[in-house]
């Protein structure tokens, strides 16, 4: 591998590592705030969600800007209007999709234990039909099934936190190869060693704070679930019940009433 290619790899790895490091700092700061909130954490973290939505939209905007520059060069400098126009249309689609996803993420209502508990508290002291009670139980079962999604999200977060250290290792390896090729001074690979070290430290801090946050939320959810089960059982006890044989008794009473009203037909 020649020095020109290694230089491009070093530059790209340095830019990506700087971007990932900024994201890690945001993750640690927001995670620290959530850890301070402790057991008061709800089912959705509005501040954290808002911060990450802004970050993702900013990254998409930067990528779209670079894409627009490339598309313009294809049209103006390389005389390839069709490829440039297709790239422009694709960038417009990416921008529209990102805006829609951001709006949906910010406007999506809560549908977890807290929301169900609020509905049950609103129905406290009333007599709801048995069908409504069954709806509450099905809602609770649907929320319980989301635990698999939570585990998948945690695993995905672990994999994502491993990306910055790997990028730092790529930066170190490319720097060492450049030094062996005589293209850079020895202090360049030595300085690049700080990149994976910083990324590992930030990843560890973010993972620990995320674990503390998940434990706090799990404790809140278990408490809410216990209250939900108790409230549903209470609603089921107060639900109106049909009297045994009520239809038969009503039919018999109507028959006797008709006999009394028409005695001549007997």
C-alpha atoms as a PDB file:
ATOM      1  CA  UNK A   1       0.000   0.000   0.000  1.00  0.00           C
ATOM      2  CA  UNK A   2       1.514   3.317  -1.073  1.00  0.00           C
ATOM      3  CA  UNK A   3       1.899   6.375   1.136  1.00  0.00           C
ATOM      4  CA  UNK A   4      -0.785   8.339  -0.731  1.00  0.00           C
ATOM      5  CA  UNK A   5      -3.425   5.738   0.078  1.00  0.00           C
ATOM      6  CA  UNK A   6      -2.243   5.537   3.683  1.00  0.00           C
ATOM      7  CA  UNK A   7      -2.461   9.318   3.978  1.00  0.00           C
ATOM      8  CA  UNK A   8      -6.057   9.265   2.759  1.00  0.00           C
ATOM      9  CA  UNK A   9      -6.861   6.506   5.288  1.00  0.00           C
ATOM     10  CA  UNK A  10      -5.254   8.485   8.105  1.00  0.00           C
ATOM     11  CA  UNK A  11      -7.171  11.638   7.213  1.00  0.00           C
ATOM     12  CA  UNK A  12     -10.498   9.788   6.920  1.00  0.00           C
ATOM     13  CA  UNK A  13      -9.921   7.855  10.166  1.00  0.00           C
ATOM     14  CA  UNK A  14      -8.964  11.066  12.004  1.00  0.00           C
ATOM     15  CA  UNK A  15     -12.111  12.865  10.821  1.00  0.00           C
ATOM     16  CA  UNK A  16     -14.362   9.911  11.722  1.00  0.00           C
ATOM     17  CA  UNK A  17     -12.673   9.488  15.097  1.00  0.00           C
ATOM     18  CA  UNK A  18     -13.173  13.179  15.924  1.00  0.00           C
ATOM     19  CA  UNK A  19     -16.864  12.914  14.993  1.00  0.00           C
ATOM     20  CA  UNK A  20     -17.334   9.715  17.007  1.00  0.00           C
ATOM     21  CA  UNK A  21     -15.551  11.269  19.982  1.00  0.00           C
ATOM     22  CA  UNK A  22     -17.933  14.228  19.977  1.00  0.00           C
ATOM     23  CA  UNK A  23     -20.858  11.797  19.901  1.00  0.00           C
ATOM     24  CA  UNK A  24     -19.343   9.872  22.801  1.00  0.00           C
ATOM     25  CA  UNK A  25     -19.012  13.077  24.817  1.00  0.00           C
ATOM     26  CA  UNK A  26     -22.694  13.826  24.193  1.00  0.00           C
ATOM     27  CA  UNK A  27     -23.583  10.269  25.208  1.00  0.00           C
ATOM     28  CA  UNK A  28     -21.633  10.565  28.461  1.00  0.00           C
ATOM     29  CA  UNK A  29     -23.097  13.990  29.326  1.00  0.00           C
ATOM     30  CA  UNK A  30     -26.711  12.964  28.664  1.00  0.00           C
ATOM     31  CA  UNK A  31     -26.152   9.639  30.416  1.00  0.00           C
ATOM     32  CA  UNK A  32     -24.836  11.451  33.475  1.00  0.00           C
ATOM     33  CA  UNK A  33     -27.952  13.599  33.626  1.00  0.00           C
ATOM     34  CA  UNK A  34     -30.165  10.520  33.352  1.00  0.00           C
ATOM     35  CA  UNK A  35     -28.205   8.744  36.058  1.00  0.00           C
ATOM     36  CA  UNK A  36     -28.764  11.715  38.363  1.00  0.00           C
ATOM     37  CA  UNK A  37     -32.486  11.468  37.657  1.00  0.00           C
ATOM     38  CA  UNK A  38     -32.323   7.911  39.003  1.00  0.00           C
ATOM     39  CA  UNK A  39     -35.660   6.290  39.682  1.00  0.00           C
ATOM     40  CA  UNK A  40     -37.558   9.326  38.435  1.00  0.00           C
ATOM     41  CA  UNK A  41     -36.644   8.397  34.858  1.00  0.00           C
ATOM     42  CA  UNK A  42     -39.724   7.786  32.742  1.00  0.00           C
ATOM     43  CA  UNK A  43     -40.333   5.456  29.844  1.00  0.00           C
ATOM     44  CA  UNK A  44     -38.957   7.978  27.346  1.00  0.00           C
ATOM     45  CA  UNK A  45     -36.060  10.376  27.843  1.00  0.00           C
ATOM     46  CA  UNK A  46     -37.186  13.509  26.071  1.00  0.00           C
ATOM     47  CA  UNK A  47     -33.959  15.456  26.568  1.00  0.00           C
ATOM     48  CA  UNK A  48     -31.772  12.588  25.385  1.00  0.00           C
ATOM     49  CA  UNK A  49     -34.063  11.873  22.441  1.00  0.00           C
ATOM     50  CA  UNK A  50     -34.094  15.548  21.442  1.00  0.00           C
ATOM     51  CA  UNK A  51     -30.284  15.817  21.654  1.00  0.00           C
ATOM     52  CA  UNK A  52     -29.659  12.722  19.547  1.00  0.00           C
ATOM     53  CA  UNK A  53     -32.276  13.761  17.005  1.00  0.00           C
ATOM     54  CA  UNK A  54     -30.444  17.062  16.484  1.00  0.00           C
ATOM     55  CA  UNK A  55     -27.100  15.257  16.175  1.00  0.00           C
ATOM     56  CA  UNK A  56     -28.372  12.726  13.633  1.00  0.00           C
ATOM     57  CA  UNK A  57     -30.075  15.438  11.584  1.00  0.00           C
ATOM     58  CA  UNK A  58     -26.855  17.494  11.607  1.00  0.00           C
ATOM     59  CA  UNK A  59     -24.828  14.517  10.362  1.00  0.00           C
ATOM     60  CA  UNK A  60     -27.357  13.844   7.610  1.00  0.00           C
ATOM     61  CA  UNK A  61     -27.252  17.528   6.646  1.00  0.00           C
ATOM     62  CA  UNK A  62     -23.445  17.465   6.357  1.00  0.00           C
ATOM     63  CA  UNK A  63     -23.558  14.319   4.230  1.00  0.00           C
ATOM     64  CA  UNK A  64     -26.242  15.854   2.012  1.00  0.00           C
ATOM     65  CA  UNK A  65     -24.087  18.960   1.529  1.00  0.00           C
ATOM     66  CA  UNK A  66     -21.145  16.824   0.413  1.00  0.00           C
ATOM     67  CA  UNK A  67     -23.477  14.886  -1.864  1.00  0.00           C
ATOM     68  CA  UNK A  68     -24.755  18.085  -3.446  1.00  0.00           C
ATOM     69  CA  UNK A  69     -21.156  19.179  -4.136  1.00  0.00           C
ATOM     70  CA  UNK A  70     -20.388  15.834  -5.779  1.00  0.00           C
ATOM     71  CA  UNK A  71     -23.588  15.974  -7.848  1.00  0.00           C
ATOM     72  CA  UNK A  72     -22.770  19.522  -8.971  1.00  0.00           C
ATOM     73  CA  UNK A  73     -19.295  18.450 -10.075  1.00  0.00           C
ATOM     74  CA  UNK A  74     -20.768  15.538 -12.009  1.00  0.00           C
ATOM     75  CA  UNK A  75     -23.105  17.906 -13.851  1.00  0.00           C
ATOM     76  CA  UNK A  76     -20.794  20.885 -14.403  1.00  0.00           C
ATOM     77  CA  UNK A  77     -17.260  19.461 -14.567  1.00  0.00           C
ATOM     78  CA  UNK A  78     -17.659  15.888 -15.825  1.00  0.00           C
ATOM     79  CA  UNK A  79     -20.640  16.365 -18.179  1.00  0.00           C
ATOM     80  CA  UNK A  80     -22.710  13.622 -16.551  1.00  0.00           C
ATOM     81  CA  UNK A  81     -26.099  15.269 -16.025  1.00  0.00           C
ATOM     82  CA  UNK A  82     -28.031  12.018 -15.612  1.00  0.00           C
ATOM     83  CA  UNK A  83     -25.857  10.709 -12.781  1.00  0.00           C
ATOM     84  CA  UNK A  84     -25.821  14.133 -11.158  1.00  0.00           C
ATOM     85  CA  UNK A  85     -29.606  14.484 -11.399  1.00  0.00           C
ATOM     86  CA  UNK A  86     -30.126  10.969 -10.020  1.00  0.00           C
ATOM     87  CA  UNK A  87     -27.840  11.781  -7.090  1.00  0.00           C
ATOM     88  CA  UNK A  88     -29.753  15.001  -6.442  1.00  0.00           C
ATOM     89  CA  UNK A  89     -33.068  13.114  -6.383  1.00  0.00           C
ATOM     90  CA  UNK A  90     -31.604  10.534  -4.031  1.00  0.00           C
ATOM     91  CA  UNK A  91     -30.318  13.236  -1.686  1.00  0.00           C
ATOM     92  CA  UNK A  92     -33.743  14.894  -1.687  1.00  0.00           C
ATOM     93  CA  UNK A  93     -35.310  11.563  -0.750  1.00  0.00           C
ATOM     94  CA  UNK A  94     -32.816  11.027   2.069  1.00  0.00           C
ATOM     95  CA  UNK A  95     -33.505  14.519   3.417  1.00  0.00           C
ATOM     96  CA  UNK A  96     -37.275  14.016   3.317  1.00  0.00           C
ATOM     97  CA  UNK A  97     -37.036  10.588   4.976  1.00  0.00           C
ATOM     98  CA  UNK A  98     -34.772  11.957   7.720  1.00  0.00           C
ATOM     99  CA  UNK A  99     -37.188  14.821   8.422  1.00  0.00           C
ATOM    100  CA  UNK A 100     -40.151  12.422   8.615  1.00  0.00           C
ATOM    101  CA  UNK A 101     -38.306  10.066  10.976  1.00  0.00           C
ATOM    102  CA  UNK A 102     -37.244  12.959  13.197  1.00  0.00           C
ATOM    103  CA  UNK A 103     -40.800  14.293  13.444  1.00  0.00           C
ATOM    104  CA  UNK A 104     -42.194  10.841  14.194  1.00  0.00           C
ATOM    105  CA  UNK A 105     -39.554  10.214  16.857  1.00  0.00           C
ATOM    106  CA  UNK A 106     -40.309  13.502  18.617  1.00  0.00           C
ATOM    107  CA  UNK A 107     -44.096  13.295  18.322  1.00  0.00           C
ATOM    108  CA  UNK A 108     -44.511   9.599  19.078  1.00  0.00           C
ATOM    109  CA  UNK A 109     -46.658   9.324  22.214  1.00  0.00           C
ATOM    110  CA  UNK A 110     -45.739   7.208  25.179  1.00  0.00           C
ATOM    111  CA  UNK A 111     -47.329   3.774  25.183  1.00  0.00           C
ATOM    112  CA  UNK A 112     -45.578   2.094  28.089  1.00  0.00           C
ATOM    113  CA  UNK A 113     -46.377   1.267  31.688  1.00  0.00           C
ATOM    114  CA  UNK A 114     -46.715   4.926  32.685  1.00  0.00           C
ATOM    115  CA  UNK A 115     -49.417   5.627  30.082  1.00  0.00           C
ATOM    116  CA  UNK A 116     -51.375   2.485  30.970  1.00  0.00           C
ATOM    117  CA  UNK A 117     -51.130   3.319  34.659  1.00  0.00           C
ATOM    118  CA  UNK A 118     -52.516   6.808  34.014  1.00  0.00           C
ATOM    119  CA  UNK A 119     -55.488   5.313  32.132  1.00  0.00           C
ATOM    120  CA  UNK A 120     -56.188   2.925  34.970  1.00  0.00           C
ATOM    121  CA  UNK A 121     -55.977   5.696  37.552  1.00  0.00           C
ATOM    122  CA  UNK A 122     -58.450   7.717  35.494  1.00  0.00           C
ATOM    123  CA  UNK A 123     -60.842   4.745  35.593  1.00  0.00           C
ATOM    124  CA  UNK A 124     -60.413   4.260  39.349  1.00  0.00           C
ATOM    125  CA  UNK A 125     -63.717   4.271  41.227  1.00  0.00           C
ATOM    126  CA  UNK A 126     -65.789   3.475  38.126  1.00  0.00           C
ATOM    127  CA  UNK A 127     -67.336   0.261  36.842  1.00  0.00           C
ATOM    128  CA  UNK A 128     -65.983  -0.586  33.418  1.00  0.00           C
ATOM    129  CA  UNK A 129     -67.214  -3.482  31.273  1.00  0.00           C
ATOM    130  CA  UNK A 130     -65.351  -6.757  31.230  1.00  0.00           C
ATOM    131  CA  UNK A 131     -64.380  -6.167  27.610  1.00  0.00           C
ATOM    132  CA  UNK A 132     -62.553  -3.008  28.617  1.00  0.00           C
ATOM    133  CA  UNK A 133     -60.747  -4.901  31.380  1.00  0.00           C
ATOM    134  CA  UNK A 134     -59.615  -7.472  28.819  1.00  0.00           C
ATOM    135  CA  UNK A 135     -58.325  -4.627  26.644  1.00  0.00           C
ATOM    136  CA  UNK A 136     -56.220  -3.393  29.570  1.00  0.00           C
ATOM    137  CA  UNK A 137     -54.796  -6.899  30.059  1.00  0.00           C
ATOM    138  CA  UNK A 138     -53.924  -7.212  26.362  1.00  0.00           C
ATOM    139  CA  UNK A 139     -52.257  -3.795  26.513  1.00  0.00           C
ATOM    140  CA  UNK A 140     -50.165  -4.973  29.466  1.00  0.00           C
ATOM    141  CA  UNK A 141     -49.170  -8.149  27.607  1.00  0.00           C
ATOM    142  CA  UNK A 142     -48.096  -6.095  24.576  1.00  0.00           C
ATOM    143  CA  UNK A 143     -45.889  -3.908  26.769  1.00  0.00           C
ATOM    144  CA  UNK A 144     -44.331  -6.978  28.402  1.00  0.00           C
ATOM    145  CA  UNK A 145     -43.441  -8.388  24.990  1.00  0.00           C
ATOM    146  CA  UNK A 146     -41.327  -5.302  24.262  1.00  0.00           C
ATOM    147  CA  UNK A 147     -38.674  -6.514  26.687  1.00  0.00           C
ATOM    148  CA  UNK A 148     -37.057  -8.346  23.755  1.00  0.00           C
ATOM    149  CA  UNK A 149     -36.836  -5.045  21.875  1.00  0.00           C
ATOM    150  CA  UNK A 150     -35.168  -3.446  24.901  1.00  0.00           C
ATOM    151  CA  UNK A 151     -32.560  -6.234  25.021  1.00  0.00           C
ATOM    152  CA  UNK A 152     -31.940  -5.802  21.293  1.00  0.00           C
ATOM    153  CA  UNK A 153     -31.439  -2.068  21.792  1.00  0.00           C
ATOM    154  CA  UNK A 154     -28.922  -2.676  24.586  1.00  0.00           C
ATOM    155  CA  UNK A 155     -26.940  -5.111  22.419  1.00  0.00           C
ATOM    156  CA  UNK A 156     -26.992  -2.656  19.530  1.00  0.00           C
ATOM    157  CA  UNK A 157     -25.697   0.076  21.833  1.00  0.00           C
ATOM    158  CA  UNK A 158     -22.767  -2.142  22.847  1.00  0.00           C
ATOM    159  CA  UNK A 159     -21.813  -2.754  19.236  1.00  0.00           C
ATOM    160  CA  UNK A 160     -22.097   0.950  18.411  1.00  0.00           C
ATOM    161  CA  UNK A 161     -19.800   1.858  21.327  1.00  0.00           C
ATOM    162  CA  UNK A 162     -17.112  -0.426  19.879  1.00  0.00           C
ATOM    163  CA  UNK A 163     -16.922   1.576  16.620  1.00  0.00           C
ATOM    164  CA  UNK A 164     -14.880   4.581  17.940  1.00  0.00           C
ATOM    165  CA  UNK A 165     -12.094   2.421  19.464  1.00  0.00           C
ATOM    166  CA  UNK A 166     -11.848   0.423  16.234  1.00  0.00           C
ATOM    167  CA  UNK A 167     -11.574   3.678  14.265  1.00  0.00           C
ATOM    168  CA  UNK A 168      -8.807   4.795  16.610  1.00  0.00           C
ATOM    169  CA  UNK A 169      -6.938   1.509  16.061  1.00  0.00           C
ATOM    170  CA  UNK A 170      -7.193   1.996  12.288  1.00  0.00           C
ATOM    171  CA  UNK A 171      -5.731   5.473  12.748  1.00  0.00           C
ATOM    172  CA  UNK A 172      -2.828   4.070  14.792  1.00  0.00           C
ATOM    173  CA  UNK A 173      -2.132   1.277  12.303  1.00  0.00           C
ATOM    174  CA  UNK A 174      -2.125   3.631   9.307  1.00  0.00           C
ATOM    175  CA  UNK A 175       0.118   6.059  11.186  1.00  0.00           C
ATOM    176  CA  UNK A 176       2.614   3.289  12.004  1.00  0.00           C
ATOM    177  CA  UNK A 177       2.699   2.164   8.372  1.00  0.00           C
ATOM    178  CA  UNK A 178       3.338   5.753   7.263  1.00  0.00           C
ATOM    179  CA  UNK A 179       6.181   6.036   9.768  1.00  0.00           C
ATOM    180  CA  UNK A 180       7.705   2.763   8.548  1.00  0.00           C
ATOM    181  CA  UNK A 181       7.498   4.120   4.993  1.00  0.00           C
ATOM    182  CA  UNK A 182       9.310   7.262   6.049  1.00  0.00           C
ATOM    183  CA  UNK A 183       6.435   9.591   5.220  1.00  0.00           C
ATOM    184  CA  UNK A 184       5.887  11.004   8.739  1.00  0.00           C
ATOM    185  CA  UNK A 185       7.843  11.633  11.913  1.00  0.00           C
ATOM    186  CA  UNK A 186       7.741   9.138  14.819  1.00  0.00           C
ATOM    187  CA  UNK A 187       5.600  11.463  16.953  1.00  0.00           C
ATOM    188  CA  UNK A 188       2.622  11.003  14.576  1.00  0.00           C
ATOM    189  CA  UNK A 189       1.942   7.319  15.412  1.00  0.00           C
ATOM    190  CA  UNK A 190       2.811   7.977  19.062  1.00  0.00           C
ATOM    191  CA  UNK A 191       0.255  10.796  19.203  1.00  0.00           C
ATOM    192  CA  UNK A 192      -2.358   8.664  17.434  1.00  0.00           C
ATOM    193  CA  UNK A 193      -2.205   6.095  20.266  1.00  0.00           C
ATOM    194  CA  UNK A 194      -4.238   8.531  22.362  1.00  0.00           C
ATOM    195  CA  UNK A 195      -7.217   8.096  20.002  1.00  0.00           C
ATOM    196  CA  UNK A 196      -8.188   4.502  20.929  1.00  0.00           C
ATOM    197  CA  UNK A 197      -7.371   5.135  24.598  1.00  0.00           C
ATOM    198  CA  UNK A 198      -9.736   8.121  24.763  1.00  0.00           C
ATOM    199  CA  UNK A 199     -12.421   6.214  22.855  1.00  0.00           C
ATOM    200  CA  UNK A 200     -12.181   3.203  25.184  1.00  0.00           C
ATOM    201  CA  UNK A 201     -12.461   5.423  28.264  1.00  0.00           C
ATOM    202  CA  UNK A 202     -15.497   7.274  26.877  1.00  0.00           C
ATOM    203  CA  UNK A 203     -17.130   4.011  25.741  1.00  0.00           C
ATOM    204  CA  UNK A 204     -16.664   2.520  29.210  1.00  0.00           C
ATOM    205  CA  UNK A 205     -18.130   5.586  30.914  1.00  0.00           C
ATOM    206  CA  UNK A 206     -21.089   5.653  28.519  1.00  0.00           C
ATOM    207  CA  UNK A 207     -21.765   1.936  29.011  1.00  0.00           C
ATOM    208  CA  UNK A 208     -21.664   2.231  32.805  1.00  0.00           C
ATOM    209  CA  UNK A 209     -24.031   5.195  32.813  1.00  0.00           C
ATOM    210  CA  UNK A 210     -26.334   3.453  30.372  1.00  0.00           C
ATOM    211  CA  UNK A 211     -26.397   0.386  32.636  1.00  0.00           C
ATOM    212  CA  UNK A 212     -27.247   2.549  35.661  1.00  0.00           C
ATOM    213  CA  UNK A 213     -30.007   4.234  33.684  1.00  0.00           C
ATOM    214  CA  UNK A 214     -31.426   0.900  32.491  1.00  0.00           C
ATOM    215  CA  UNK A 215     -31.462  -0.480  36.038  1.00  0.00           C
ATOM    216  CA  UNK A 216     -33.273   2.619  37.293  1.00  0.00           C
ATOM    217  CA  UNK A 217     -35.856   2.427  34.515  1.00  0.00           C
ATOM    218  CA  UNK A 218     -36.327  -1.311  35.126  1.00  0.00           C
ATOM    219  CA  UNK A 219     -37.022  -0.643  38.809  1.00  0.00           C
ATOM    220  CA  UNK A 220     -39.582   2.029  37.879  1.00  0.00           C
ATOM    221  CA  UNK A 221     -41.246  -0.302  35.356  1.00  0.00           C
ATOM    222  CA  UNK A 222     -41.512  -3.159  37.833  1.00  0.00           C
ATOM    223  CA  UNK A 223     -43.166  -0.871  40.381  1.00  0.00           C
ATOM    224  CA  UNK A 224     -45.564   0.478  37.756  1.00  0.00           C
ATOM    225  CA  UNK A 225     -46.384  -3.023  36.542  1.00  0.00           C
ATOM    226  CA  UNK A 226     -47.274  -4.157  40.045  1.00  0.00           C
ATOM    227  CA  UNK A 227     -49.637  -1.180  40.416  1.00  0.00           C
ATOM    228  CA  UNK A 228     -51.142  -1.933  36.993  1.00  0.00           C
ATOM    229  CA  UNK A 229     -51.860  -5.567  37.859  1.00  0.00           C
ATOM    230  CA  UNK A 230     -53.477  -4.520  41.126  1.00  0.00           C
ATOM    231  CA  UNK A 231     -55.586  -1.848  39.408  1.00  0.00           C
ATOM    232  CA  UNK A 232     -56.756  -4.262  36.679  1.00  0.00           C
ATOM    233  CA  UNK A 233     -57.729  -6.861  39.278  1.00  0.00           C
ATOM    234  CA  UNK A 234     -59.672  -4.190  41.158  1.00  0.00           C
ATOM    235  CA  UNK A 235     -61.500  -3.132  37.976  1.00  0.00           C
ATOM    236  CA  UNK A 236     -62.318  -6.754  37.212  1.00  0.00           C
ATOM    237  CA  UNK A 237     -63.827  -7.239  40.677  1.00  0.00           C
ATOM    238  CA  UNK A 238     -66.051  -4.170  40.222  1.00  0.00           C
ATOM    239  CA  UNK A 239     -67.066  -5.010  36.655  1.00  0.00           C
ATOM    240  CA  UNK A 240     -70.845  -5.554  36.213  1.00  0.00           C
ATOM    241  CA  UNK A 241     -71.750  -9.223  36.083  1.00  0.00           C
ATOM    242  CA  UNK A 242     -74.728 -10.915  34.454  1.00  0.00           C
ATOM    243  CA  UNK A 243     -77.104 -12.610  36.868  1.00  0.00           C
ATOM    244  CA  UNK A 244     -77.346 -16.402  36.398  1.00  0.00           C
ATOM    245  CA  UNK A 245     -80.493 -17.359  34.504  1.00  0.00           C
ATOM    246  CA  UNK A 246     -81.572 -13.750  34.092  1.00  0.00           C
ATOM    247  CA  UNK A 247     -82.747 -14.281  30.511  1.00  0.00           C
ATOM    248  CA  UNK A 248     -84.855 -17.287  31.488  1.00  0.00           C
ATOM    249  CA  UNK A 249     -86.471 -15.421  34.382  1.00  0.00           C
ATOM    250  CA  UNK A 250     -87.291 -12.445  32.181  1.00  0.00           C
ATOM    251  CA  UNK A 251     -88.843 -14.710  29.528  1.00  0.00           C
ATOM    252  CA  UNK A 252     -90.921 -16.510  32.161  1.00  0.00           C
ATOM    253  CA  UNK A 253     -92.130 -13.223  33.642  1.00  0.00           C
ATOM    254  CA  UNK A 254     -93.158 -11.958  30.191  1.00  0.00           C
ATOM    255  CA  UNK A 255     -95.045 -15.172  29.526  1.00  0.00           C
ATOM    256  CA  UNK A 256     -96.946 -14.856  32.829  1.00  0.00           C
ATOM    257  CA  UNK A 257     -97.724 -11.220  32.028  1.00  0.00           C
ATOM    258  CA  UNK A 258     -99.163 -12.173  28.646  1.00  0.00           C
ATOM    259  CA  UNK A 259    -101.277 -14.878  30.248  1.00  0.00           C
ATOM    260  CA  UNK A 260    -102.664 -12.386  32.754  1.00  0.00           C
ATOM    261  CA  UNK A 261    -103.473  -9.857  30.032  1.00  0.00           C
ATOM    262  CA  UNK A 262    -105.250 -12.399  27.800  1.00  0.00           C
ATOM    263  CA  UNK A 263    -107.112 -14.794  30.134  1.00  0.00           C
ATOM    264  CA  UNK A 264    -109.784 -15.599  27.505  1.00  0.00           C
ATOM    265  CA  UNK A 265    -107.322 -17.281  25.198  1.00  0.00           C
ATOM    266  CA  UNK A 266    -106.569 -20.038  27.714  1.00  0.00           C
END
